[in-house]
Amino acid sequence: MAKQFVSWVHGYAAVAEWMGSDVLQFDLTRDPTRSPPEPDFVPAFSDVNGWRRAWGSFFRLRGEKENWFHIPIPTPQLVEDRRAGLDRVMALFRIDGGRLQHVLVFDGPRLISDHPGLNISGDHTVDLIDNENVFHVDHDEIAFGVGFSLNFKPLGNGADLYIASAGGIFFHNI
């Protein structure tokens, strides 16, 4: 009998692969009503680690500079002496002025799922929708821990990225 376990991690666990002013911007002039849910505060984006708030992470991607964002998913690896499987991964995010173009899922160092050729933009912070912010993996026997990597590409002069949360649906055949 298979049982499901769902595990989520908060968006401020997201880490940019490439940091620095050549790929991420520090910007005090942004329109405060576009991304953050706190319109009376003008956010500062760090070119090193984004802008971490209680409700997630914000990043300003410099124009035409794609970047990977990596998120560890808490992994219930063993239940009753059996390894977990991974059914799918999910991300709550919003990208304004850019698109999600590639998703990778790793079990420790091993690539277990690859979703290239995506063209997903807009707000995906409310609903979970297959192939927009839910990606099927269907992998038996997780050996180590699950990592979820999302590749975003800004269009034009740059993009605002907000990552609220990410998770995985695991199964155990017990």
C-alpha atoms as a PDB file:
ATOM      1  CA  MET A   1       0.000   0.000   0.000  1.00  0.00           C
ATOM      2  CA  ALA A   2       1.503   3.340  -1.046  1.00  0.00           C
ATOM      3  CA  LYS A   3       1.317   6.296   1.310  1.00  0.00           C
ATOM      4  CA  GLN A   4       2.013   9.871   0.309  1.00  0.00           C
ATOM      5  CA  PHE A   5       4.040  12.412   2.231  1.00  0.00           C
ATOM      6  CA  VAL A   6       4.216  16.050   1.254  1.00  0.00           C
ATOM      7  CA  SER A   7       7.157  18.200   2.271  1.00  0.00           C
ATOM      8  CA  TRP A   8       7.511  21.964   1.732  1.00  0.00           C
ATOM      9  CA  VAL A   9      10.297  24.450   2.304  1.00  0.00           C
ATOM     10  CA  HIS A  10       9.922  28.201   2.537  1.00  0.00           C
ATOM     11  CA  GLY A  11      10.999  30.421  -0.367  1.00  0.00           C
ATOM     12  CA  TYR A  12      13.820  32.061   1.566  1.00  0.00           C
ATOM     13  CA  ALA A  13      15.695  28.767   1.253  1.00  0.00           C
ATOM     14  CA  ALA A  14      16.192  29.513  -2.476  1.00  0.00           C
ATOM     15  CA  VAL A  15      19.761  30.275  -3.486  1.00  0.00           C
ATOM     16  CA  ALA A  16      20.941  31.814  -6.751  1.00  0.00           C
ATOM     17  CA  GLU A  17      23.659  29.843  -8.545  1.00  0.00           C
ATOM     18  CA  TRP A  18      25.284  32.935  -9.988  1.00  0.00           C
ATOM     19  CA  MET A  19      25.673  35.941  -7.706  1.00  0.00           C
ATOM     20  CA  GLY A  20      27.080  39.392  -8.220  1.00  0.00           C
ATOM     21  CA  SER A  21      26.202  42.541 -10.091  1.00  0.00           C
ATOM     22  CA  ASP A  22      26.697  40.960 -13.520  1.00  0.00           C
ATOM     23  CA  VAL A  23      23.598  38.703 -13.041  1.00  0.00           C
ATOM     24  CA  LEU A  24      21.652  40.119 -10.073  1.00  0.00           C
ATOM     25  CA  GLN A  25      20.900  43.772  -9.455  1.00  0.00           C
ATOM     26  CA  PHE A  26      20.794  45.967  -6.418  1.00  0.00           C
ATOM     27  CA  ASP A  27      17.905  48.276  -7.148  1.00  0.00           C
ATOM     28  CA  LEU A  28      16.311  50.911  -4.891  1.00  0.00           C
ATOM     29  CA  THR A  29      14.272  52.471  -7.685  1.00  0.00           C
ATOM     30  CA  ARG A  30      11.812  49.660  -8.365  1.00  0.00           C
ATOM     31  CA  ASP A  31       8.084  50.216  -8.441  1.00  0.00           C
ATOM     32  CA  PRO A  32       7.085  49.023  -4.938  1.00  0.00           C
ATOM     33  CA  THR A  33       3.645  47.867  -6.102  1.00  0.00           C
ATOM     34  CA  ARG A  34       4.910  45.271  -8.622  1.00  0.00           C
ATOM     35  CA  SER A  35       6.363  42.382  -6.635  1.00  0.00           C
ATOM     36  CA  PRO A  36       6.384  42.659  -2.873  1.00  0.00           C
ATOM     37  CA  PRO A  37       3.148  42.412  -0.924  1.00  0.00           C
ATOM     38  CA  GLU A  38       4.258  45.479   1.105  1.00  0.00           C
ATOM     39  CA  PRO A  39       3.535  48.447  -1.209  1.00  0.00           C
ATOM     40  CA  ASP A  40       4.587  51.197   1.220  1.00  0.00           C
ATOM     41  CA  PHE A  41       8.181  49.937   1.340  1.00  0.00           C
ATOM     42  CA  VAL A  42      10.694  50.203  -1.500  1.00  0.00           C
ATOM     43  CA  PRO A  43      12.683  46.940  -1.456  1.00  0.00           C
ATOM     44  CA  ALA A  44      16.432  46.699  -1.894  1.00  0.00           C
ATOM     45  CA  PHE A  45      17.634  43.740  -3.905  1.00  0.00           C
ATOM     46  CA  SER A  46      21.048  42.426  -3.054  1.00  0.00           C
ATOM     47  CA  ASP A  47      23.291  41.345  -5.889  1.00  0.00           C
ATOM     48  CA  VAL A  48      24.473  38.520  -3.640  1.00  0.00           C
ATOM     49  CA  ASN A  49      21.483  36.864  -2.000  1.00  0.00           C
ATOM     50  CA  GLY A  50      18.303  38.614  -3.061  1.00  0.00           C
ATOM     51  CA  TRP A  51      15.878  40.246  -0.666  1.00  0.00           C
ATOM     52  CA  ARG A  52      14.651  37.826   1.994  1.00  0.00           C
ATOM     53  CA  ARG A  53      11.363  38.597   3.674  1.00  0.00           C
ATOM     54  CA  ALA A  54       9.105  36.626   5.986  1.00  0.00           C
ATOM     55  CA  TRP A  55       6.979  35.578   2.990  1.00  0.00           C
ATOM     56  CA  GLY A  56       9.762  34.540   0.576  1.00  0.00           C
ATOM     57  CA  SER A  57      12.744  35.660  -1.485  1.00  0.00           C
ATOM     58  CA  PHE A  58      12.856  38.361  -4.147  1.00  0.00           C
ATOM     59  CA  PHE A  59      15.504  38.658  -6.827  1.00  0.00           C
ATOM     60  CA  ARG A  60      16.084  41.210  -9.583  1.00  0.00           C
ATOM     61  CA  LEU A  61      17.616  39.472 -12.614  1.00  0.00           C
ATOM     62  CA  ARG A  62      19.749  41.633 -14.855  1.00  0.00           C
ATOM     63  CA  GLY A  63      18.640  41.833 -18.498  1.00  0.00           C
ATOM     64  CA  GLU A  64      19.297  38.762 -20.661  1.00  0.00           C
ATOM     65  CA  LYS A  65      21.289  36.998 -17.873  1.00  0.00           C
ATOM     66  CA  GLU A  66      19.606  33.699 -17.081  1.00  0.00           C
ATOM     67  CA  ASN A  67      20.237  32.179 -13.670  1.00  0.00           C
ATOM     68  CA  TRP A  68      19.536  28.960 -11.778  1.00  0.00           C
ATOM     69  CA  PHE A  69      17.855  29.015  -8.379  1.00  0.00           C
ATOM     70  CA  HIS A  70      18.345  25.963  -6.179  1.00  0.00           C
ATOM     71  CA  ILE A  71      15.966  24.843  -3.449  1.00  0.00           C
ATOM     72  CA  PRO A  72      16.503  21.872  -1.115  1.00  0.00           C
ATOM     73  CA  ILE A  73      13.360  19.856  -0.397  1.00  0.00           C
ATOM     74  CA  PRO A  74      13.155  18.150   3.031  1.00  0.00           C
ATOM     75  CA  THR A  75      13.212  14.470   2.129  1.00  0.00           C
ATOM     76  CA  PRO A  76      11.549  11.713   4.197  1.00  0.00           C
ATOM     77  CA  GLN A  77      14.024   9.185   2.848  1.00  0.00           C
ATOM     78  CA  LEU A  78      13.167   6.102   4.952  1.00  0.00           C
ATOM     79  CA  VAL A  79       9.811   5.040   6.373  1.00  0.00           C
ATOM     80  CA  GLU A  80       9.464   1.624   7.968  1.00  0.00           C
ATOM     81  CA  ASP A  81      12.804   0.545   6.462  1.00  0.00           C
ATOM     82  CA  ARG A  82      11.828   1.423   2.868  1.00  0.00           C
ATOM     83  CA  ARG A  83      13.132   4.239   0.707  1.00  0.00           C
ATOM     84  CA  ALA A  84      10.804   6.998  -0.423  1.00  0.00           C
ATOM     85  CA  GLY A  85       9.941   7.656  -4.024  1.00  0.00           C
ATOM     86  CA  LEU A  86       9.321  11.112  -5.466  1.00  0.00           C
ATOM     87  CA  ASP A  87       6.098  11.667  -7.409  1.00  0.00           C
ATOM     88  CA  ARG A  88       6.436  15.389  -8.236  1.00  0.00           C
ATOM     89  CA  VAL A  89       7.931  18.713  -7.207  1.00  0.00           C
ATOM     90  CA  MET A  90       6.138  22.052  -6.914  1.00  0.00           C
ATOM     91  CA  ALA A  91       7.107  25.709  -6.696  1.00  0.00           C
ATOM     92  CA  LEU A  92       5.128  28.803  -5.819  1.00  0.00           C
ATOM     93  CA  PHE A  93       6.745  31.686  -7.723  1.00  0.00           C
ATOM     94  CA  ARG A  94       6.091  34.845  -9.721  1.00  0.00           C
ATOM     95  CA  ILE A  95       8.284  36.090 -12.570  1.00  0.00           C
ATOM     96  CA  ASP A  96       7.589  39.527 -14.044  1.00  0.00           C
ATOM     97  CA  GLY A  97       9.540  40.422 -17.183  1.00  0.00           C
ATOM     98  CA  GLY A  98      10.987  36.953 -17.624  1.00  0.00           C
ATOM     99  CA  ARG A  99      10.228  33.253 -17.851  1.00  0.00           C
ATOM    100  CA  LEU A 100      10.951  29.892 -16.264  1.00  0.00           C
ATOM    101  CA  GLN A 101      12.677  27.896 -18.983  1.00  0.00           C
ATOM    102  CA  HIS A 102      14.126  24.757 -17.378  1.00  0.00           C
ATOM    103  CA  VAL A 103      13.586  22.602 -14.260  1.00  0.00           C
ATOM    104  CA  LEU A 104      15.955  19.948 -12.919  1.00  0.00           C
ATOM    105  CA  VAL A 105      15.432  17.599  -9.971  1.00  0.00           C
ATOM    106  CA  PHE A 106      18.333  15.856  -8.249  1.00  0.00           C
ATOM    107  CA  ASP A 107      18.656  13.015  -5.760  1.00  0.00           C
ATOM    108  CA  GLY A 108      21.910  14.093  -4.154  1.00  0.00           C
ATOM    109  CA  PRO A 109      24.322  14.270  -7.134  1.00  0.00           C
ATOM    110  CA  ARG A 110      22.092  12.262  -9.521  1.00  0.00           C
ATOM    111  CA  LEU A 111      19.782  13.954 -12.021  1.00  0.00           C
ATOM    112  CA  ILE A 112      16.389  12.212 -11.747  1.00  0.00           C
ATOM    113  CA  SER A 113      14.132  14.541 -13.740  1.00  0.00           C
ATOM    114  CA  ASP A 114      14.715  17.074 -16.502  1.00  0.00           C
ATOM    115  CA  HIS A 115      12.082  19.498 -17.835  1.00  0.00           C
ATOM    116  CA  PRO A 116      13.670  21.643 -20.615  1.00  0.00           C
ATOM    117  CA  GLY A 117      12.044  23.947 -23.145  1.00  0.00           C
ATOM    118  CA  LEU A 118       9.616  25.667 -20.775  1.00  0.00           C
ATOM    119  CA  ASN A 119       8.198  29.128 -21.384  1.00  0.00           C
ATOM    120  CA  ILE A 120       6.347  29.962 -18.166  1.00  0.00           C
ATOM    121  CA  SER A 121       5.806  33.497 -16.930  1.00  0.00           C
ATOM    122  CA  GLY A 122       3.452  35.334 -14.605  1.00  0.00           C
ATOM    123  CA  ASP A 123       2.087  34.629 -11.150  1.00  0.00           C
ATOM    124  CA  HIS A 124       2.156  31.016  -9.937  1.00  0.00           C
ATOM    125  CA  THR A 125       1.880  31.704  -6.199  1.00  0.00           C
ATOM    126  CA  VAL A 126      -1.721  30.646  -5.618  1.00  0.00           C
ATOM    127  CA  ASP A 127      -2.666  27.505  -7.574  1.00  0.00           C
ATOM    128  CA  LEU A 128      -0.719  24.336  -8.340  1.00  0.00           C
ATOM    129  CA  ILE A 129      -0.965  23.611 -12.082  1.00  0.00           C
ATOM    130  CA  ASP A 130       0.672  20.704 -13.922  1.00  0.00           C
ATOM    131  CA  ASN A 131       3.553  21.728 -16.165  1.00  0.00           C
ATOM    132  CA  GLU A 132       3.435  25.339 -14.934  1.00  0.00           C
ATOM    133  CA  ASN A 133       4.538  25.002 -11.315  1.00  0.00           C
ATOM    134  CA  VAL A 134       4.047  21.255 -10.738  1.00  0.00           C
ATOM    135  CA  PHE A 135       6.535  18.921 -12.416  1.00  0.00           C
ATOM    136  CA  HIS A 136       6.170  15.147 -12.482  1.00  0.00           C
ATOM    137  CA  VAL A 137       9.222  13.117 -11.480  1.00  0.00           C
ATOM    138  CA  ASP A 138       7.986   9.566 -10.719  1.00  0.00           C
ATOM    139  CA  HIS A 139      11.272   8.288  -9.287  1.00  0.00           C
ATOM    140  CA  ASP A 140      11.517   5.247  -6.994  1.00  0.00           C
ATOM    141  CA  GLU A 141      13.923   4.958  -4.086  1.00  0.00           C
ATOM    142  CA  ILE A 142      15.411   8.317  -3.191  1.00  0.00           C
ATOM    143  CA  ALA A 143      18.937   7.584  -1.981  1.00  0.00           C
ATOM    144  CA  PHE A 144      20.002  10.926  -0.496  1.00  0.00           C
ATOM    145  CA  GLY A 145      18.103  14.234  -0.565  1.00  0.00           C
ATOM    146  CA  VAL A 146      16.041  16.059  -3.158  1.00  0.00           C
ATOM    147  CA  GLY A 147      17.208  19.293  -4.749  1.00  0.00           C
ATOM    148  CA  PHE A 148      15.001  21.284  -7.094  1.00  0.00           C
ATOM    149  CA  SER A 149      16.606  23.711  -9.588  1.00  0.00           C
ATOM    150  CA  LEU A 150      14.748  26.310 -11.638  1.00  0.00           C
ATOM    151  CA  ASN A 151      16.290  28.284 -14.498  1.00  0.00           C
ATOM    152  CA  PHE A 152      14.822  31.749 -15.099  1.00  0.00           C
ATOM    153  CA  LYS A 153      15.634  34.059 -17.986  1.00  0.00           C
ATOM    154  CA  PRO A 154      14.806  37.761 -17.943  1.00  0.00           C
ATOM    155  CA  LEU A 155      13.429  39.334 -21.096  1.00  0.00           C
ATOM    156  CA  GLY A 156      14.508  42.815 -22.085  1.00  0.00           C
ATOM    157  CA  ASN A 157      16.018  44.921 -19.296  1.00  0.00           C
ATOM    158  CA  GLY A 158      15.501  42.460 -16.469  1.00  0.00           C
ATOM    159  CA  ALA A 159      12.986  40.524 -14.432  1.00  0.00           C
ATOM    160  CA  ASP A 160      11.564  40.486 -10.939  1.00  0.00           C
ATOM    161  CA  LEU A 161      11.447  37.021  -9.390  1.00  0.00           C
ATOM    162  CA  TYR A 162       9.588  36.089  -6.209  1.00  0.00           C
ATOM    163  CA  ILE A 163       9.872  32.566  -4.764  1.00  0.00           C
ATOM    164  CA  ALA A 164       7.328  31.864  -2.024  1.00  0.00           C
ATOM    165  CA  SER A 165       7.759  28.134  -1.414  1.00  0.00           C
ATOM    166  CA  ALA A 166       8.690  24.797  -2.964  1.00  0.00           C
ATOM    167  CA  GLY A 167       7.817  21.223  -2.135  1.00  0.00           C
ATOM    168  CA  GLY A 168       7.691  17.614  -3.126  1.00  0.00           C
ATOM    169  CA  ILE A 169       5.145  14.813  -2.995  1.00  0.00           C
ATOM    170  CA  PHE A 170       6.823  11.609  -1.876  1.00  0.00           C
ATOM    171  CA  PHE A 171       5.429   8.104  -1.761  1.00  0.00           C
ATOM    172  CA  HIS A 172       6.314   5.051   0.298  1.00  0.00           C
ATOM    173  CA  ASN A 173       5.279   1.537  -0.680  1.00  0.00           C
ATOM    174  CA  ILE A 174       4.676   0.154   2.801  1.00  0.00           C
END
